[in-house]
C-alpha atoms as a PDB file:
ATOM      1  CA  UNK A   1      -0.113  -0.031  -0.155  1.00  0.00           C
ATOM      2  CA  UNK A   2       1.618   3.367  -1.022  1.00  0.00           C
ATOM      3  CA  UNK A   3       1.132   6.421   0.460  1.00  0.00           C
ATOM      4  CA  UNK A   4      -0.063   9.399  -1.341  1.00  0.00           C
ATOM      5  CA  UNK A   5       2.414  12.353  -1.217  1.00  0.00           C
ATOM      6  CA  UNK A   6       0.670  15.888  -1.019  1.00  0.00           C
ATOM      7  CA  UNK A   7       2.189  19.520  -0.510  1.00  0.00           C
ATOM      8  CA  UNK A   8      -1.115  20.069   1.713  1.00  0.00           C
ATOM      9  CA  UNK A   9      -0.553  19.465   5.554  1.00  0.00           C
ATOM     10  CA  UNK A  10      -2.716  16.948   7.014  1.00  0.00           C
ATOM     11  CA  UNK A  11      -5.542  17.596   9.388  1.00  0.00           C
ATOM     12  CA  UNK A  12      -3.324  16.433  12.349  1.00  0.00           C
ATOM     13  CA  UNK A  13      -0.579  18.928  11.519  1.00  0.00           C
ATOM     14  CA  UNK A  14      -2.905  21.740  11.379  1.00  0.00           C
ATOM     15  CA  UNK A  15      -4.282  20.517  14.750  1.00  0.00           C
ATOM     16  CA  UNK A  16      -0.781  20.328  16.481  1.00  0.00           C
ATOM     17  CA  UNK A  17       0.111  23.557  14.624  1.00  0.00           C
ATOM     18  CA  UNK A  18      -2.558  25.673  16.149  1.00  0.00           C
ATOM     19  CA  UNK A  19      -2.122  24.177  19.663  1.00  0.00           C
ATOM     20  CA  UNK A  20       1.572  25.052  19.383  1.00  0.00           C
ATOM     21  CA  UNK A  21       0.966  28.316  18.274  1.00  0.00           C
ATOM     22  CA  UNK A  22      -1.205  28.908  21.395  1.00  0.00           C
ATOM     23  CA  UNK A  23       1.175  27.736  23.284  1.00  0.00           C
ATOM     24  CA  UNK A  24       3.997  29.925  22.387  1.00  0.00           C
ATOM     25  CA  UNK A  25       1.537  32.683  22.473  1.00  0.00           C
ATOM     26  CA  UNK A  26       1.017  31.976  26.040  1.00  0.00           C
ATOM     27  CA  UNK A  27       4.758  31.703  26.895  1.00  0.00           C
ATOM     28  CA  UNK A  28       4.952  34.996  25.104  1.00  0.00           C
ATOM     29  CA  UNK A  29       2.217  37.054  26.750  1.00  0.00           C
ATOM     30  CA  UNK A  30       3.279  35.586  30.354  1.00  0.00           C
ATOM     31  CA  UNK A  31       6.243  37.286  29.898  1.00  0.00           C
ATOM     32  CA  UNK A  32       8.333  34.365  30.853  1.00  0.00           C
ATOM     33  CA  UNK A  33      11.294  35.212  28.473  1.00  0.00           C
ATOM     34  CA  UNK A  34      13.815  37.339  30.094  1.00  0.00           C
ATOM     35  CA  UNK A  35      15.434  39.025  26.953  1.00  0.00           C
ATOM     36  CA  UNK A  36      15.441  42.797  26.512  1.00  0.00           C
ATOM     37  CA  UNK A  37      14.326  42.788  22.900  1.00  0.00           C
ATOM     38  CA  UNK A  38      11.513  40.354  23.763  1.00  0.00           C
ATOM     39  CA  UNK A  39      10.150  42.150  26.532  1.00  0.00           C
ATOM     40  CA  UNK A  40       9.523  45.398  25.268  1.00  0.00           C
ATOM     41  CA  UNK A  41       7.815  44.235  21.844  1.00  0.00           C
ATOM     42  CA  UNK A  42       4.521  43.040  21.205  1.00  0.00           C
ATOM     43  CA  UNK A  43       4.727  39.976  19.249  1.00  0.00           C
ATOM     44  CA  UNK A  44       1.880  38.429  17.139  1.00  0.00           C
ATOM     45  CA  UNK A  45       2.502  34.690  16.511  1.00  0.00           C
ATOM     46  CA  UNK A  46      -0.084  34.336  13.161  1.00  0.00           C
ATOM     47  CA  UNK A  47       0.798  30.552  12.034  1.00  0.00           C
ATOM     48  CA  UNK A  48       2.812  27.993  12.994  1.00  0.00           C
ATOM     49  CA  UNK A  49       3.217  24.982  10.328  1.00  0.00           C
ATOM     50  CA  UNK A  50       4.466  21.800  11.451  1.00  0.00           C
ATOM     51  CA  UNK A  51       6.826  19.132   9.755  1.00  0.00           C
ATOM     52  CA  UNK A  52       5.059  16.145   8.971  1.00  0.00           C
ATOM     53  CA  UNK A  53       6.542  13.800  11.523  1.00  0.00           C
ATOM     54  CA  UNK A  54       5.766  16.564  13.942  1.00  0.00           C
ATOM     55  CA  UNK A  55       9.003  17.138  15.264  1.00  0.00           C
ATOM     56  CA  UNK A  56       9.725  20.953  13.986  1.00  0.00           C
ATOM     57  CA  UNK A  57       7.469  24.072  14.362  1.00  0.00           C
ATOM     58  CA  UNK A  58       7.862  26.645  12.065  1.00  0.00           C
ATOM     59  CA  UNK A  59       6.566  29.765  13.664  1.00  0.00           C
ATOM     60  CA  UNK A  60       5.780  32.815  11.526  1.00  0.00           C
ATOM     61  CA  UNK A  61       5.477  36.341  13.711  1.00  0.00           C
ATOM     62  CA  UNK A  62       5.448  39.599  13.501  1.00  0.00           C
ATOM     63  CA  UNK A  63       6.606  42.143  15.715  1.00  0.00           C
ATOM     64  CA  UNK A  64       4.385  44.943  16.150  1.00  0.00           C
ATOM     65  CA  UNK A  65       5.541  48.810  16.644  1.00  0.00           C
ATOM     66  CA  UNK A  66       9.278  47.482  15.584  1.00  0.00           C
ATOM     67  CA  UNK A  67      11.106  48.713  12.242  1.00  0.00           C
ATOM     68  CA  UNK A  68      14.080  45.844  12.457  1.00  0.00           C
ATOM     69  CA  UNK A  69      11.798  42.410  12.756  1.00  0.00           C
ATOM     70  CA  UNK A  70      15.502  40.828  12.270  1.00  0.00           C
ATOM     71  CA  UNK A  71      16.580  41.424  15.445  1.00  0.00           C
ATOM     72  CA  UNK A  72      13.241  40.466  17.432  1.00  0.00           C
ATOM     73  CA  UNK A  73      13.533  37.026  15.156  1.00  0.00           C
ATOM     74  CA  UNK A  74      16.984  36.410  16.300  1.00  0.00           C
ATOM     75  CA  UNK A  75      16.249  37.038  19.732  1.00  0.00           C
ATOM     76  CA  UNK A  76      13.129  34.411  19.577  1.00  0.00           C
ATOM     77  CA  UNK A  77      15.452  32.197  18.146  1.00  0.00           C
ATOM     78  CA  UNK A  78      18.301  32.778  21.005  1.00  0.00           C
ATOM     79  CA  UNK A  79      15.716  31.857  23.402  1.00  0.00           C
ATOM     80  CA  UNK A  80      13.803  29.145  21.361  1.00  0.00           C
ATOM     81  CA  UNK A  81      15.021  26.237  23.790  1.00  0.00           C
ATOM     82  CA  UNK A  82      13.537  27.991  26.596  1.00  0.00           C
ATOM     83  CA  UNK A  83      10.362  28.654  25.275  1.00  0.00           C
ATOM     84  CA  UNK A  84      10.207  24.931  23.810  1.00  0.00           C
ATOM     85  CA  UNK A  85      10.669  24.026  27.758  1.00  0.00           C
ATOM     86  CA  UNK A  86       7.974  26.182  28.781  1.00  0.00           C
ATOM     87  CA  UNK A  87       5.348  25.077  26.357  1.00  0.00           C
ATOM     88  CA  UNK A  88       5.753  21.737  27.769  1.00  0.00           C
ATOM     89  CA  UNK A  89       2.519  21.944  29.946  1.00  0.00           C
ATOM     90  CA  UNK A  90       0.428  22.870  27.491  1.00  0.00           C
ATOM     91  CA  UNK A  91       1.766  20.296  25.186  1.00  0.00           C
ATOM     92  CA  UNK A  92       2.067  17.169  27.638  1.00  0.00           C
ATOM     93  CA  UNK A  93       0.066  15.151  25.535  1.00  0.00           C
ATOM     94  CA  UNK A  94       2.685  15.109  22.616  1.00  0.00           C
ATOM     95  CA  UNK A  95       4.941  12.121  22.396  1.00  0.00           C
ATOM     96  CA  UNK A  96       7.725  14.492  21.414  1.00  0.00           C
ATOM     97  CA  UNK A  97       8.398  18.334  22.032  1.00  0.00           C
ATOM     98  CA  UNK A  98       8.989  20.135  18.491  1.00  0.00           C
ATOM     99  CA  UNK A  99      11.730  22.001  17.949  1.00  0.00           C
ATOM    100  CA  UNK A 100      10.997  25.445  17.320  1.00  0.00           C
ATOM    101  CA  UNK A 101      12.015  27.853  14.830  1.00  0.00           C
ATOM    102  CA  UNK A 102      10.955  31.552  14.595  1.00  0.00           C
ATOM    103  CA  UNK A 103      10.515  33.301  11.156  1.00  0.00           C
ATOM    104  CA  UNK A 104       9.361  36.656   9.910  1.00  0.00           C
ATOM    105  CA  UNK A 105       5.874  36.592   8.571  1.00  0.00           C
ATOM    106  CA  UNK A 106       5.563  38.847   5.466  1.00  0.00           C
ATOM    107  CA  UNK A 107       2.346  37.985   4.597  1.00  0.00           C
ATOM    108  CA  UNK A 108       0.807  41.167   5.801  1.00  0.00           C
ATOM    109  CA  UNK A 109       3.591  42.887   3.600  1.00  0.00           C
ATOM    110  CA  UNK A 110       2.111  40.769   0.653  1.00  0.00           C
ATOM    111  CA  UNK A 111      -1.364  42.283   1.225  1.00  0.00           C
ATOM    112  CA  UNK A 112      -0.371  45.652   1.379  1.00  0.00           C
ATOM    113  CA  UNK A 113       1.307  45.424  -2.081  1.00  0.00           C
ATOM    114  CA  UNK A 114      -1.863  43.389  -3.546  1.00  0.00           C
ATOM    115  CA  UNK A 115      -3.969  46.223  -1.714  1.00  0.00           C
ATOM    116  CA  UNK A 116      -1.708  48.947  -3.425  1.00  0.00           C
ATOM    117  CA  UNK A 117      -1.750  47.173  -7.151  1.00  0.00           C
ATOM    118  CA  UNK A 118      -5.753  47.138  -6.763  1.00  0.00           C
ATOM    119  CA  UNK A 119      -5.958  50.572  -5.702  1.00  0.00           C
ATOM    120  CA  UNK A 120      -3.832  52.018  -8.407  1.00  0.00           C
ATOM    121  CA  UNK A 121      -5.163  53.970 -11.247  1.00  0.00           C
ATOM    122  CA  UNK A 122      -4.318  51.519 -14.435  1.00  0.00           C
ATOM    123  CA  UNK A 123      -5.968  49.095 -12.360  1.00  0.00           C
ATOM    124  CA  UNK A 124      -8.983  51.630 -11.593  1.00  0.00           C
ATOM    125  CA  UNK A 125      -9.063  52.360 -15.461  1.00  0.00           C
ATOM    126  CA  UNK A 126      -9.426  48.813 -16.357  1.00  0.00           C
ATOM    127  CA  UNK A 127     -11.745  47.946 -14.029  1.00  0.00           C
ATOM    128  CA  UNK A 128     -13.769  51.282 -15.342  1.00  0.00           C
ATOM    129  CA  UNK A 129     -13.801  50.037 -18.678  1.00  0.00           C
ATOM    130  CA  UNK A 130     -15.058  46.471 -18.132  1.00  0.00           C
ATOM    131  CA  UNK A 131     -17.989  47.983 -16.227  1.00  0.00           C
ATOM    132  CA  UNK A 132     -18.637  49.874 -19.272  1.00  0.00           C
ATOM    133  CA  UNK A 133     -18.720  47.012 -21.709  1.00  0.00           C
ATOM    134  CA  UNK A 134     -20.844  45.117 -19.299  1.00  0.00           C
ATOM    135  CA  UNK A 135     -23.175  48.073 -19.376  1.00  0.00           C
ATOM    136  CA  UNK A 136     -23.165  48.228 -23.462  1.00  0.00           C
ATOM    137  CA  UNK A 137     -23.837  44.532 -23.409  1.00  0.00           C
ATOM    138  CA  UNK A 138     -27.141  44.661 -21.347  1.00  0.00           C
END
């Protein structure tokens, strides 16, 4: 019997990823990490993607109100082992505690670029021309 390989995450990977996201968020909200950069930054954990074997968790985070995201991501990765240890209570049902890796979430930047493109004069002009064609055809 062969396994079907798919690039889409399984339901289990999604469920565990959401549990890990909640655990990381709790650790950060409680202020358990003693790092100046992390303590003075509000960090949003938007998504956690799990590896198929559930041993690696890649957390996509957005530091709010900070221009240099790289320093915050570096500080989180420096403290990843500590954060992993503090997540134990929330994830005690897991056989293995996943290794946590932090990455900058750039999806908000992508949404902003798409929004700017949709509001550009060229797109507005094209949309207006399409609307006129639809009116003529009716």
